[in-house]
Amino acid sequence: MLVTKDYLEYEFNSIGPKGTIVKCVHFTPTQDEEIFNLAFGNKKADGSIDDQARDDNKDRNKILATIVTILKLFFEKHPDICVYFTGSSAERTRLYRMAITLNFEELSTDFEIVGTLTDKNTSNSAPFEKGINYFGFFVRPKKRNFKQQYKISLYETEKEQGRTGEGTDH
């Protein structure tokens, strides 16, 4: 896994029958300085995220587990931030809800999870409950330090480098 110095951008590989596909997770600030948006998808050639891609690389559970690891890393560096995410489609939001439901007991030991019944700009939200269709989700850490070691490498984005086409290994 690769991560930027500010812990806002992450890259990892999906490896399966369709080959290796580079995935990205980016955290971006919202109008509320205490809430960041989580964007996830395939890395496009220009470095942006394609959140509409359908790969079916047979490693969905590993990808979702990697995103949980990324949330833990993010919260270690940004413990006072709340993260909001929703799927790029109703189907993807349902997939996220199902994944949270299946792993709720484990996830709830580390995270406070709140579901939104409408969009993130309204106050119509409540603690996550199984069986409810949510528009999106807010996540914040319950613990300030997850005390786990992850195999990551820092990388600099082209913005941070001030030049294009060059990378550094850390």
Protein backbone atom coordinates (compact mmCIF):
# COMPACT_ATOMS: atom_id res chain seq x y z
CA MET A 1 0.00 0.00 0.00
CA LEU A 2 1.18 3.50 -0.78
CA VAL A 3 0.15 6.59 1.18
CA THR A 4 0.92 10.30 0.85
CA LYS A 5 2.71 12.16 3.64
CA ASP A 6 -0.54 13.81 4.76
CA TYR A 7 -2.34 10.43 4.86
CA LEU A 8 -5.06 11.71 2.54
CA GLU A 9 -4.34 9.58 -0.55
CA TYR A 10 -3.77 5.82 -0.70
CA GLU A 11 -3.07 3.28 -3.43
CA PHE A 12 -3.20 -0.50 -3.33
CA ASN A 13 -3.56 -3.34 -5.81
CA SER A 14 -6.52 -5.55 -6.53
CA ILE A 15 -5.08 -8.86 -7.70
CA GLY A 16 -7.32 -11.46 -9.28
CA PRO A 17 -8.29 -13.22 -12.50
CA LYS A 18 -8.46 -9.90 -14.37
CA GLY A 19 -4.88 -9.05 -13.37
CA THR A 20 -3.60 -6.28 -11.16
CA ILE A 21 -5.81 -3.21 -10.89
CA VAL A 22 -4.61 -0.14 -8.99
CA LYS A 23 -7.21 1.10 -6.51
CA CYS A 24 -7.24 4.51 -4.82
CA VAL A 25 -8.79 5.97 -1.71
CA HIS A 26 -8.76 9.75 -1.31
CA PHE A 27 -9.97 11.76 1.66
CA THR A 28 -11.08 15.30 0.79
CA PRO A 29 -12.34 18.06 3.07
CA THR A 30 -15.96 19.16 2.91
CA GLN A 31 -17.50 22.50 3.80
CA ASP A 32 -17.54 21.27 7.40
CA GLU A 33 -13.90 21.24 8.53
CA GLU A 34 -14.56 18.24 10.80
CA ILE A 35 -15.90 16.03 7.97
CA PHE A 36 -13.89 14.53 5.12
CA ASN A 37 -15.33 12.65 2.16
CA LEU A 38 -13.94 9.22 1.28
CA ALA A 39 -13.65 8.57 -2.46
CA PHE A 40 -12.75 5.08 -3.69
CA GLY A 41 -12.23 3.47 -7.08
CA ASN A 42 -9.78 2.53 -9.79
CA LYS A 43 -6.85 4.82 -10.48
CA LYS A 44 -7.20 6.48 -13.86
CA ALA A 45 -4.19 7.40 -16.02
CA ASP A 46 -4.44 11.04 -14.88
CA GLY A 47 -4.37 10.00 -11.20
CA SER A 48 -8.05 10.65 -10.59
CA ILE A 49 -10.49 8.01 -9.35
CA ASP A 50 -12.98 6.11 -11.48
CA ASP A 51 -15.70 5.30 -8.94
CA GLN A 52 -17.94 3.74 -11.60
CA ALA A 53 -15.59 0.88 -12.61
CA ARG A 54 -16.84 -2.70 -12.30
CA ASP A 55 -13.90 -5.07 -12.20
CA ASP A 56 -15.23 -8.29 -10.63
CA ASN A 57 -11.64 -9.28 -9.83
CA LYS A 58 -12.92 -11.76 -7.21
CA ASP A 59 -11.28 -9.98 -4.26
CA ARG A 60 -14.12 -7.78 -2.97
CA ASN A 61 -13.73 -8.81 0.67
CA LYS A 62 -9.98 -8.17 0.58
CA ILE A 63 -10.60 -4.73 -0.95
CA LEU A 64 -13.16 -3.84 1.73
CA ALA A 65 -10.77 -5.06 4.46
CA THR A 66 -8.04 -2.87 2.94
CA ILE A 67 -10.36 0.14 3.08
CA VAL A 68 -10.96 -0.55 6.78
CA THR A 69 -7.18 -0.63 7.28
CA ILE A 70 -6.92 2.67 5.41
CA LEU A 71 -9.57 4.20 7.69
CA LYS A 72 -7.53 3.13 10.71
CA LEU A 73 -4.37 4.69 9.24
CA PHE A 74 -6.25 7.88 8.39
CA PHE A 75 -7.72 8.15 11.90
CA GLU A 76 -4.30 7.63 13.51
CA LYS A 77 -3.18 10.86 11.80
CA HIS A 78 -6.56 12.65 11.84
CA PRO A 79 -8.31 11.43 15.02
CA ASP A 80 -10.77 14.32 15.25
CA ILE A 81 -12.12 14.00 11.72
CA CYS A 82 -15.35 12.25 10.80
CA VAL A 83 -15.40 10.47 7.42
CA TYR A 84 -18.44 10.39 5.16
CA PHE A 85 -18.92 7.92 2.32
CA THR A 86 -21.65 6.68 0.03
CA GLY A 87 -21.64 4.50 -3.05
CA SER A 88 -21.49 5.95 -6.54
CA SER A 89 -24.80 4.16 -7.11
CA ALA A 90 -27.62 2.77 -4.96
CA GLU A 91 -26.23 -0.71 -5.65
CA ARG A 92 -22.79 0.21 -4.28
CA THR A 93 -24.28 1.90 -1.23
CA ARG A 94 -26.22 -1.32 -0.63
CA LEU A 95 -22.97 -3.30 -0.94
CA TYR A 96 -21.34 -1.06 1.68
CA ARG A 97 -24.35 -1.45 3.97
CA MET A 98 -24.21 -5.25 3.59
CA ALA A 99 -20.46 -5.27 4.33
CA ILE A 100 -20.99 -3.12 7.45
CA THR A 101 -23.88 -5.37 8.54
CA LEU A 102 -21.84 -8.58 8.10
CA ASN A 103 -18.89 -7.14 10.01
CA PHE A 104 -20.72 -4.82 12.38
CA GLU A 105 -19.63 -6.48 15.61
CA GLU A 106 -15.94 -6.19 14.70
CA LEU A 107 -16.25 -2.73 13.11
CA SER A 108 -18.18 -1.30 16.05
CA THR A 109 -15.30 -2.07 18.42
CA ASP A 110 -13.12 0.42 16.51
CA PHE A 111 -15.60 2.78 14.87
CA GLU A 112 -18.75 4.72 15.59
CA ILE A 113 -20.88 4.27 12.47
CA VAL A 114 -23.86 6.50 11.69
CA GLY A 115 -26.19 6.05 8.73
CA THR A 116 -27.77 8.94 6.86
CA LEU A 117 -31.30 8.50 5.62
CA THR A 118 -30.95 11.36 3.13
CA ASP A 119 -27.91 13.22 1.86
CA LYS A 120 -24.99 14.24 4.08
CA ASN A 121 -26.14 17.87 4.25
CA THR A 122 -29.16 17.05 6.39
CA SER A 123 -29.37 16.06 10.03
CA ASN A 124 -31.49 12.99 9.32
CA SER A 125 -29.03 10.41 10.60
CA ALA A 126 -28.84 7.84 13.38
CA PRO A 127 -26.49 5.17 14.72
CA PHE A 128 -26.15 2.32 12.21
CA GLU A 129 -28.75 -0.43 12.52
CA LYS A 130 -29.04 -3.61 10.50
CA GLY A 131 -31.88 -3.72 7.98
CA ILE A 132 -32.15 -0.01 7.24
CA ASN A 133 -31.43 1.39 3.78
CA TYR A 134 -29.07 4.33 4.17
CA PHE A 135 -28.06 7.04 1.73
CA GLY A 136 -24.52 7.17 3.16
CA PHE A 137 -22.43 6.64 6.26
CA PHE A 138 -20.40 8.64 8.75
CA VAL A 139 -17.50 6.92 10.50
CA ARG A 140 -15.34 8.15 13.35
CA PRO A 141 -12.86 6.29 15.55
CA LYS A 142 -13.77 5.05 18.99
CA LYS A 143 -10.11 4.55 19.88
CA ARG A 144 -7.44 7.16 19.27
CA ASN A 145 -4.64 4.69 18.52
CA PHE A 146 -5.18 1.38 16.77
CA LYS A 147 -1.66 0.20 17.72
CA GLN A 148 -1.20 -1.95 14.65
CA GLN A 149 1.62 -2.05 12.15
CA TYR A 150 0.82 -1.80 8.47
CA LYS A 151 3.06 -2.35 5.50
CA ILE A 152 2.90 1.01 3.74
CA SER A 153 5.16 3.18 1.69
CA LEU A 154 5.00 6.94 1.60
CA TYR A 155 4.85 8.51 -1.82
CA GLU A 156 4.69 12.03 -3.08
CA THR A 157 2.02 13.18 -5.46
CA GLU A 158 3.06 15.27 -8.42
CA LYS A 159 1.61 18.28 -6.56
CA GLU A 160 3.91 17.68 -3.60
CA GLN A 161 6.94 17.14 -5.81
CA GLY A 162 6.46 20.35 -7.75
CA ARG A 163 7.33 18.54 -10.95
CA THR A 164 5.84 15.77 -13.07
CA GLY A 165 7.02 12.35 -14.05
CA GLU A 166 9.32 11.75 -11.10
CA GLY A 167 8.63 9.70 -8.02
CA THR A 168 10.52 8.93 -4.88
CA ASP A 169 10.74 5.73 -2.91
CA HIS A 170 10.45 5.97 0.84
